[in-house]
């Protein structure tokens, strides 16, 4: 696990994408992710992870980043993506 990664202060989307690319990481749905998607749909919750969120989750699953780093990256990403909403 790379705990010494220097996290960005902006452009989180590109950072997550490039980090995944550098480590040959792509999102692969599992049985649990499909179950979670089904439960989400049945509960009338429209919140589905986008590609960048899925890459961040995959980076965590592959131990490229820590859980804390994933939260910081996703927080920055959400702030950038939804700041104009």
PDB file of N, CA and C in Angstrom:
ATOM      1  N   UNK A   1       0.846  -1.171   0.000  1.00  0.00           N
ATOM      2  CA  UNK A   1       0.000   0.000   0.000  1.00  0.00           C
ATOM      3  C   UNK A   1       0.888   1.229   0.000  1.00  0.00           C
ATOM      4  N   UNK A   2       0.581   2.166  -0.879  1.00  0.00           N
ATOM      5  CA  UNK A   2       1.393   3.370  -1.026  1.00  0.00           C
ATOM      6  C   UNK A   2       0.834   4.482  -0.156  1.00  0.00           C
ATOM      7  N   UNK A   3       1.219   4.499   1.102  1.00  0.00           N
ATOM      8  CA  UNK A   3       0.685   5.504   2.007  1.00  0.00           C
ATOM      9  C   UNK A   3       1.384   6.842   1.851  1.00  0.00           C
ATOM     10  N   UNK A   4       2.513   6.882   1.163  1.00  0.00           N
ATOM     11  CA  UNK A   4       3.261   8.120   1.030  1.00  0.00           C
ATOM     12  C   UNK A   4       2.915   8.890  -0.244  1.00  0.00           C
ATOM     13  N   UNK A   5       1.807   8.576  -0.886  1.00  0.00           N
ATOM     14  CA  UNK A   5       1.379   9.302  -2.075  1.00  0.00           C
ATOM     15  C   UNK A   5       1.082  10.748  -1.709  1.00  0.00           C
ATOM     16  N   UNK A   6       1.518  11.660  -2.561  1.00  0.00           N
ATOM     17  CA  UNK A   6       1.165  13.059  -2.371  1.00  0.00           C
ATOM     18  C   UNK A   6      -0.135  13.319  -3.110  1.00  0.00           C
ATOM     19  N   UNK A   7      -1.174  13.589  -2.360  1.00  0.00           N
ATOM     20  CA  UNK A   7      -2.489  13.799  -2.951  1.00  0.00           C
ATOM     21  C   UNK A   7      -2.594  15.212  -3.511  1.00  0.00           C
ATOM     22  N   UNK A   8      -3.364  15.374  -4.566  1.00  0.00           N
ATOM     23  CA  UNK A   8      -3.486  16.695  -5.190  1.00  0.00           C
ATOM     24  C   UNK A   8      -4.339  17.645  -4.355  1.00  0.00           C
ATOM     25  N   UNK A   9      -4.306  18.913  -4.728  1.00  0.00           N
ATOM     26  CA  UNK A   9      -5.203  19.892  -4.105  1.00  0.00           C
ATOM     27  C   UNK A   9      -6.253  20.369  -5.104  1.00  0.00           C
ATOM     28  N   UNK A  10      -6.173  19.868  -6.325  1.00  0.00           N
ATOM     29  CA  UNK A  10      -7.184  20.155  -7.351  1.00  0.00           C
ATOM     30  C   UNK A  10      -7.069  19.106  -8.451  1.00  0.00           C
ATOM     31  N   UNK A  11      -8.001  19.133  -9.376  1.00  0.00           N
ATOM     32  CA  UNK A  11      -8.049  18.216 -10.517  1.00  0.00           C
ATOM     33  C   UNK A  11      -8.030  16.749 -10.081  1.00  0.00           C
ATOM     34  N   UNK A  12      -8.912  16.449  -9.138  1.00  0.00           N
ATOM     35  CA  UNK A  12      -8.988  15.099  -8.564  1.00  0.00           C
ATOM     36  C   UNK A  12      -9.377  14.049  -9.597  1.00  0.00           C
ATOM     37  N   UNK A  13     -10.252  14.414 -10.493  1.00  0.00           N
ATOM     38  CA  UNK A  13     -10.704  13.466 -11.519  1.00  0.00           C
ATOM     39  C   UNK A  13      -9.515  12.953 -12.330  1.00  0.00           C
ATOM     40  N   UNK A  14      -8.679  13.853 -12.808  1.00  0.00           N
ATOM     41  CA  UNK A  14      -7.497  13.452 -13.585  1.00  0.00           C
ATOM     42  C   UNK A  14      -6.525  12.645 -12.749  1.00  0.00           C
ATOM     43  N   UNK A  15      -6.345  13.037 -11.490  1.00  0.00           N
ATOM     44  CA  UNK A  15      -5.417  12.327 -10.611  1.00  0.00           C
ATOM     45  C   UNK A  15      -5.852  10.876 -10.421  1.00  0.00           C
ATOM     46  N   UNK A  16      -7.125  10.673 -10.118  1.00  0.00           N
ATOM     47  CA  UNK A  16      -7.643   9.313  -9.901  1.00  0.00           C
ATOM     48  C   UNK A  16      -7.484   8.494 -11.182  1.00  0.00           C
ATOM     49  N   UNK A  17      -7.847   9.095 -12.312  1.00  0.00           N
ATOM     50  CA  UNK A  17      -7.738   8.393 -13.586  1.00  0.00           C
ATOM     51  C   UNK A  17      -6.284   8.026 -13.887  1.00  0.00           C
ATOM     52  N   UNK A  18      -5.370   8.967 -13.721  1.00  0.00           N
ATOM     53  CA  UNK A  18      -3.952   8.715 -14.019  1.00  0.00           C
ATOM     54  C   UNK A  18      -3.342   7.699 -13.057  1.00  0.00           C
ATOM     55  N   UNK A  19      -3.706   7.762 -11.781  1.00  0.00           N
ATOM     56  CA  UNK A  19      -3.192   6.799 -10.802  1.00  0.00           C
ATOM     57  C   UNK A  19      -3.654   5.385 -11.163  1.00  0.00           C
ATOM     58  N   UNK A  20      -4.905   5.252 -11.567  1.00  0.00           N
ATOM     59  CA  UNK A  20      -5.427   3.943 -11.987  1.00  0.00           C
ATOM     60  C   UNK A  20      -4.694   3.471 -13.234  1.00  0.00           C
ATOM     61  N   UNK A  21      -4.501   4.356 -14.183  1.00  0.00           N
ATOM     62  CA  UNK A  21      -3.813   4.002 -15.424  1.00  0.00           C
ATOM     63  C   UNK A  21      -2.369   3.564 -15.159  1.00  0.00           C
ATOM     64  N   UNK A  22      -1.660   4.307 -14.302  1.00  0.00           N
ATOM     65  CA  UNK A  22      -0.263   3.977 -13.971  1.00  0.00           C
ATOM     66  C   UNK A  22      -0.140   2.601 -13.325  1.00  0.00           C
ATOM     67  N   UNK A  23      -1.181   2.184 -12.608  1.00  0.00           N
ATOM     68  CA  UNK A  23      -1.148   0.915 -11.886  1.00  0.00           C
ATOM     69  C   UNK A  23      -1.955  -0.181 -12.569  1.00  0.00           C
ATOM     70  N   UNK A  24      -2.356   0.070 -13.822  1.00  0.00           N
ATOM     71  CA  UNK A  24      -3.144  -0.902 -14.587  1.00  0.00           C
ATOM     72  C   UNK A  24      -4.389  -1.370 -13.833  1.00  0.00           C
ATOM     73  N   UNK A  25      -5.090  -0.408 -13.255  1.00  0.00           N
ATOM     74  CA  UNK A  25      -6.301  -0.703 -12.491  1.00  0.00           C
ATOM     75  C   UNK A  25      -7.514  -0.310 -13.310  1.00  0.00           C
ATOM     76  N   UNK A  26      -8.463  -1.218 -13.382  1.00  0.00           N
ATOM     77  CA  UNK A  26      -9.755  -0.883 -13.965  1.00  0.00           C
ATOM     78  C   UNK A  26     -10.824  -1.468 -13.053  1.00  0.00           C
ATOM     79  N   UNK A  27     -11.981  -0.877 -13.096  1.00  0.00           N
ATOM     80  CA  UNK A  27     -13.061  -1.340 -12.239  1.00  0.00           C
ATOM     81  C   UNK A  27     -13.645  -2.631 -12.778  1.00  0.00           C
ATOM     82  N   UNK A  28     -13.716  -3.636 -11.932  1.00  0.00           N
ATOM     83  CA  UNK A  28     -14.322  -4.920 -12.279  1.00  0.00           C
ATOM     84  C   UNK A  28     -15.458  -5.187 -11.294  1.00  0.00           C
ATOM     85  N   UNK A  29     -16.692  -5.138 -11.753  1.00  0.00           N
ATOM     86  CA  UNK A  29     -17.795  -5.423 -10.831  1.00  0.00           C
ATOM     87  C   UNK A  29     -17.686  -6.836 -10.257  1.00  0.00           C
ATOM     88  N   UNK A  30     -18.033  -6.954  -8.991  1.00  0.00           N
ATOM     89  CA  UNK A  30     -18.041  -8.257  -8.331  1.00  0.00           C
ATOM     90  C   UNK A  30     -19.493  -8.638  -8.047  1.00  0.00           C
ATOM     91  N   UNK A  31     -19.675  -9.800  -7.533  1.00  0.00           N
ATOM     92  CA  UNK A  31     -21.020 -10.218  -7.140  1.00  0.00           C
ATOM     93  C   UNK A  31     -21.604  -9.288  -6.095  1.00  0.00           C
ATOM     94  N   UNK A  32     -20.746  -8.827  -5.170  1.00  0.00           N
ATOM     95  CA  UNK A  32     -21.218  -7.912  -4.133  1.00  0.00           C
ATOM     96  C   UNK A  32     -21.593  -6.559  -4.711  1.00  0.00           C
ATOM     97  N   UNK A  33     -20.838  -6.070  -5.696  1.00  0.00           N
ATOM     98  CA  UNK A  33     -21.185  -4.776  -6.277  1.00  0.00           C
ATOM     99  C   UNK A  33     -22.491  -4.872  -7.057  1.00  0.00           C
ATOM    100  N   UNK A  34     -22.728  -5.995  -7.703  1.00  0.00           N
ATOM    101  CA  UNK A  34     -23.999  -6.186  -8.406  1.00  0.00           C
ATOM    102  C   UNK A  34     -25.155  -6.287  -7.407  1.00  0.00           C
ATOM    103  N   UNK A  35     -24.919  -6.944  -6.286  1.00  0.00           N
ATOM    104  CA  UNK A  35     -25.939  -7.030  -5.240  1.00  0.00           C
ATOM    105  C   UNK A  35     -26.235  -5.636  -4.694  1.00  0.00           C
ATOM    106  N   UNK A  36     -25.196  -4.860  -4.447  1.00  0.00           N
ATOM    107  CA  UNK A  36     -25.381  -3.495  -3.943  1.00  0.00           C
ATOM    108  C   UNK A  36     -26.163  -2.654  -4.936  1.00  0.00           C
ATOM    109  N   UNK A  37     -25.868  -2.810  -6.219  1.00  0.00           N
ATOM    110  CA  UNK A  37     -26.588  -2.068  -7.253  1.00  0.00           C
ATOM    111  C   UNK A  37     -28.070  -2.441  -7.242  1.00  0.00           C
ATOM    112  N   UNK A  38     -28.366  -3.731  -7.109  1.00  0.00           N
ATOM    113  CA  UNK A  38     -29.755  -4.195  -7.080  1.00  0.00           C
ATOM    114  C   UNK A  38     -30.486  -3.650  -5.859  1.00  0.00           C
ATOM    115  N   UNK A  39     -29.848  -3.706  -4.703  1.00  0.00           N
ATOM    116  CA  UNK A  39     -30.470  -3.181  -3.478  1.00  0.00           C
ATOM    117  C   UNK A  39     -30.729  -1.689  -3.618  1.00  0.00           C
ATOM    118  N   UNK A  40     -29.775  -0.987  -4.198  1.00  0.00           N
ATOM    119  CA  UNK A  40     -29.928   0.457  -4.402  1.00  0.00           C
ATOM    120  C   UNK A  40     -31.116   0.748  -5.309  1.00  0.00           C
ATOM    121  N   UNK A  41     -31.233   0.007  -6.395  1.00  0.00           N
ATOM    122  CA  UNK A  41     -32.357   0.207  -7.310  1.00  0.00           C
ATOM    123  C   UNK A  41     -33.688  -0.106  -6.636  1.00  0.00           C
ATOM    124  N   UNK A  42     -33.733  -1.179  -5.855  1.00  0.00           N
ATOM    125  CA  UNK A  42     -34.974  -1.564  -5.176  1.00  0.00           C
ATOM    126  C   UNK A  42     -35.385  -0.545  -4.117  1.00  0.00           C
ATOM    127  N   UNK A  43     -34.420   0.193  -3.580  1.00  0.00           N
ATOM    128  CA  UNK A  43     -34.744   1.179  -2.546  1.00  0.00           C
ATOM    129  C   UNK A  43     -35.073   2.549  -3.135  1.00  0.00           C
ATOM    130  N   UNK A  44     -35.201   2.607  -4.467  1.00  0.00           N
ATOM    131  CA  UNK A  44     -35.490   3.863  -5.175  1.00  0.00           C
ATOM    132  C   UNK A  44     -34.406   4.915  -4.958  1.00  0.00           C
ATOM    133  N   UNK A  45     -33.208   4.474  -4.701  1.00  0.00           N
ATOM    134  CA  UNK A  45     -32.060   5.382  -4.566  1.00  0.00           C
ATOM    135  C   UNK A  45     -31.360   5.432  -5.915  1.00  0.00           C
ATOM    136  N   UNK A  46     -31.221   6.619  -6.471  1.00  0.00           N
ATOM    137  CA  UNK A  46     -30.620   6.760  -7.788  1.00  0.00           C
ATOM    138  C   UNK A  46     -29.107   6.917  -7.738  1.00  0.00           C
ATOM    139  N   UNK A  47     -28.519   6.854  -6.561  1.00  0.00           N
ATOM    140  CA  UNK A  47     -27.078   7.074  -6.424  1.00  0.00           C
ATOM    141  C   UNK A  47     -26.254   5.894  -6.900  1.00  0.00           C
ATOM    142  N   UNK A  48     -25.730   5.992  -8.089  1.00  0.00           N
ATOM    143  CA  UNK A  48     -24.854   4.961  -8.644  1.00  0.00           C
ATOM    144  C   UNK A  48     -23.463   5.568  -8.819  1.00  0.00           C
ATOM    145  N   UNK A  49     -22.418   4.843  -8.438  1.00  0.00           N
ATOM    146  CA  UNK A  49     -21.072   5.383  -8.623  1.00  0.00           C
ATOM    147  C   UNK A  49     -20.752   5.598 -10.104  1.00  0.00           C
ATOM    148  N   UNK A  50     -20.114   6.726 -10.396  1.00  0.00           N
ATOM    149  CA  UNK A  50     -19.673   6.952 -11.764  1.00  0.00           C
ATOM    150  C   UNK A  50     -18.320   6.279 -11.979  1.00  0.00           C
ATOM    151  N   UNK A  51     -17.755   6.439 -13.152  1.00  0.00           N
ATOM    152  CA  UNK A  51     -16.499   5.761 -13.482  1.00  0.00           C
ATOM    153  C   UNK A  51     -15.348   6.165 -12.561  1.00  0.00           C
ATOM    154  N   UNK A  52     -15.262   7.446 -12.212  1.00  0.00           N
ATOM    155  CA  UNK A  52     -14.173   7.911 -11.358  1.00  0.00           C
ATOM    156  C   UNK A  52     -14.328   7.359  -9.948  1.00  0.00           C
ATOM    157  N   UNK A  53     -15.534   7.365  -9.421  1.00  0.00           N
ATOM    158  CA  UNK A  53     -15.779   6.768  -8.106  1.00  0.00           C
ATOM    159  C   UNK A  53     -15.401   5.286  -8.115  1.00  0.00           C
ATOM    160  N   UNK A  54     -15.796   4.597  -9.165  1.00  0.00           N
ATOM    161  CA  UNK A  54     -15.490   3.168  -9.276  1.00  0.00           C
ATOM    162  C   UNK A  54     -13.985   2.927  -9.347  1.00  0.00           C
ATOM    163  N   UNK A  55     -13.257   3.799 -10.046  1.00  0.00           N
ATOM    164  CA  UNK A  55     -11.795   3.662 -10.100  1.00  0.00           C
ATOM    165  C   UNK A  55     -11.177   3.871  -8.725  1.00  0.00           C
ATOM    166  N   UNK A  56     -11.675   4.860  -7.974  1.00  0.00           N
ATOM    167  CA  UNK A  56     -11.155   5.096  -6.624  1.00  0.00           C
ATOM    168  C   UNK A  56     -11.393   3.874  -5.737  1.00  0.00           C
ATOM    169  N   UNK A  57     -12.555   3.277  -5.866  1.00  0.00           N
ATOM    170  CA  UNK A  57     -12.869   2.063  -5.102  1.00  0.00           C
ATOM    171  C   UNK A  57     -11.929   0.927  -5.509  1.00  0.00           C
ATOM    172  N   UNK A  58     -11.695   0.786  -6.798  1.00  0.00           N
ATOM    173  CA  UNK A  58     -10.790  -0.259  -7.291  1.00  0.00           C
ATOM    174  C   UNK A  58      -9.357  -0.025  -6.794  1.00  0.00           C
ATOM    175  N   UNK A  59      -8.918   1.229  -6.762  1.00  0.00           N
ATOM    176  CA  UNK A  59      -7.574   1.547  -6.242  1.00  0.00           C
ATOM    177  C   UNK A  59      -7.458   1.132  -4.784  1.00  0.00           C
ATOM    178  N   UNK A  60      -8.513   1.354  -4.021  1.00  0.00           N
ATOM    179  CA  UNK A  60      -8.514   0.944  -2.608  1.00  0.00           C
ATOM    180  C   UNK A  60      -8.511  -0.575  -2.489  1.00  0.00           C
ATOM    181  N   UNK A  61      -9.342  -1.248  -3.295  1.00  0.00           N
ATOM    182  CA  UNK A  61      -9.409  -2.713  -3.239  1.00  0.00           C
ATOM    183  C   UNK A  61      -8.068  -3.355  -3.569  1.00  0.00           C
ATOM    184  N   UNK A  62      -7.321  -2.732  -4.481  1.00  0.00           N
ATOM    185  CA  UNK A  62      -6.019  -3.265  -4.888  1.00  0.00           C
ATOM    186  C   UNK A  62      -4.879  -2.760  -4.004  1.00  0.00           C
ATOM    187  N   UNK A  63      -5.246  -2.023  -2.948  1.00  0.00           N
ATOM    188  CA  UNK A  63      -4.278  -1.519  -1.969  1.00  0.00           C
ATOM    189  C   UNK A  63      -3.258  -0.547  -2.562  1.00  0.00           C
ATOM    190  N   UNK A  64      -3.677   0.173  -3.589  1.00  0.00           N
ATOM    191  CA  UNK A  64      -2.844   1.232  -4.157  1.00  0.00           C
ATOM    192  C   UNK A  64      -2.958   2.471  -3.276  1.00  0.00           C
ATOM    193  N   UNK A  65      -4.149   2.690  -2.734  1.00  0.00           N
ATOM    194  CA  UNK A  65      -4.381   3.786  -1.800  1.00  0.00           C
ATOM    195  C   UNK A  65      -5.044   3.231  -0.546  1.00  0.00           C
ATOM    196  N   UNK A  66      -4.969   3.998   0.533  1.00  0.00           N
ATOM    197  CA  UNK A  66      -5.618   3.604   1.780  1.00  0.00           C
ATOM    198  C   UNK A  66      -7.074   4.069   1.758  1.00  0.00           C
ATOM    199  N   UNK A  67      -7.837   3.598   2.709  1.00  0.00           N
ATOM    200  CA  UNK A  67      -9.216   4.054   2.833  1.00  0.00           C
ATOM    201  C   UNK A  67      -9.293   5.551   3.082  1.00  0.00           C
ATOM    202  N   UNK A  68      -8.396   6.062   3.900  1.00  0.00           N
ATOM    203  CA  UNK A  68      -8.358   7.494   4.196  1.00  0.00           C
ATOM    204  C   UNK A  68      -8.039   8.298   2.934  1.00  0.00           C
ATOM    205  N   UNK A  69      -7.094   7.803   2.143  1.00  0.00           N
ATOM    206  CA  UNK A  69      -6.750   8.480   0.889  1.00  0.00           C
ATOM    207  C   UNK A  69      -7.926   8.455  -0.082  1.00  0.00           C
ATOM    208  N   UNK A  70      -8.633   7.331  -0.129  1.00  0.00           N
ATOM    209  CA  UNK A  70      -9.795   7.235  -1.010  1.00  0.00           C
ATOM    210  C   UNK A  70     -10.842   8.274  -0.616  1.00  0.00           C
ATOM    211  N   UNK A  71     -11.092   8.403   0.679  1.00  0.00           N
ATOM    212  CA  UNK A  71     -12.086   9.369   1.155  1.00  0.00           C
ATOM    213  C   UNK A  71     -11.664  10.792   0.787  1.00  0.00           C
ATOM    214  N   UNK A  72     -10.385  11.113   0.969  1.00  0.00           N
ATOM    215  CA  UNK A  72      -9.903  12.460   0.625  1.00  0.00           C
ATOM    216  C   UNK A  72     -10.023  12.718  -0.875  1.00  0.00           C
ATOM    217  N   UNK A  73      -9.666  11.738  -1.680  1.00  0.00           N
ATOM    218  CA  UNK A  73      -9.767  11.901  -3.135  1.00  0.00           C
ATOM    219  C   UNK A  73     -11.212  12.062  -3.573  1.00  0.00           C
ATOM    220  N   UNK A  74     -12.094  11.222  -3.057  1.00  0.00           N
ATOM    221  CA  UNK A  74     -13.497  11.316  -3.447  1.00  0.00           C
ATOM    222  C   UNK A  74     -14.132  12.607  -2.939  1.00  0.00           C
ATOM    223  N   UNK A  75     -13.751  13.045  -1.750  1.00  0.00           N
ATOM    224  CA  UNK A  75     -14.265  14.313  -1.228  1.00  0.00           C
ATOM    225  C   UNK A  75     -13.866  15.460  -2.159  1.00  0.00           C
ATOM    226  N   UNK A  76     -12.604  15.503  -2.547  1.00  0.00           N
ATOM    227  CA  UNK A  76     -12.143  16.537  -3.471  1.00  0.00           C
ATOM    228  C   UNK A  76     -12.840  16.442  -4.817  1.00  0.00           C
ATOM    229  N   UNK A  77     -12.986  15.212  -5.307  1.00  0.00           N
ATOM    230  CA  UNK A  77     -13.663  14.990  -6.590  1.00  0.00           C
ATOM    231  C   UNK A  77     -15.114  15.477  -6.531  1.00  0.00           C
ATOM    232  N   UNK A  78     -15.843  15.098  -5.484  1.00  0.00           N
ATOM    233  CA  UNK A  78     -17.240  15.512  -5.358  1.00  0.00           C
ATOM    234  C   UNK A  78     -17.342  17.026  -5.260  1.00  0.00           C
ATOM    235  N   UNK A  79     -16.454  17.632  -4.487  1.00  0.00           N
ATOM    236  CA  UNK A  79     -16.490  19.101  -4.347  1.00  0.00           C
ATOM    237  C   UNK A  79     -16.287  19.778  -5.700  1.00  0.00           C
ATOM    238  N   UNK A  80     -15.366  19.266  -6.489  1.00  0.00           N
ATOM    239  CA  UNK A  80     -15.136  19.842  -7.817  1.00  0.00           C
ATOM    240  C   UNK A  80     -16.291  19.583  -8.772  1.00  0.00           C
ATOM    241  N   UNK A  81     -16.799  18.382  -8.762  1.00  0.00           N
ATOM    242  CA  UNK A  81     -17.860  17.995  -9.705  1.00  0.00           C
ATOM    243  C   UNK A  81     -19.187  18.685  -9.395  1.00  0.00           C
ATOM    244  N   UNK A  82     -19.482  18.841  -8.139  1.00  0.00           N
ATOM    245  CA  UNK A  82     -20.825  19.316  -7.764  1.00  0.00           C
ATOM    246  C   UNK A  82     -20.812  20.719  -7.173  1.00  0.00           C
ATOM    247  N   UNK A  83     -19.718  21.460  -7.342  1.00  0.00           N
ATOM    248  CA  UNK A  83     -19.642  22.814  -6.777  1.00  0.00           C
ATOM    249  C   UNK A  83     -20.600  23.779  -7.476  1.00  0.00           C
ATOM    250  N   UNK A  84     -20.992  23.492  -8.687  1.00  0.00           N
ATOM    251  CA  UNK A  84     -21.893  24.367  -9.430  1.00  0.00           C
ATOM    252  C   UNK A  84     -23.339  23.914  -9.409  1.00  0.00           C
ATOM    253  N   UNK A  85     -23.640  22.886  -8.635  1.00  0.00           N
ATOM    254  CA  UNK A  85     -24.996  22.343  -8.609  1.00  0.00           C
ATOM    255  C   UNK A  85     -25.837  23.108  -7.620  1.00  0.00           C
TER     256      UNK A  85
END
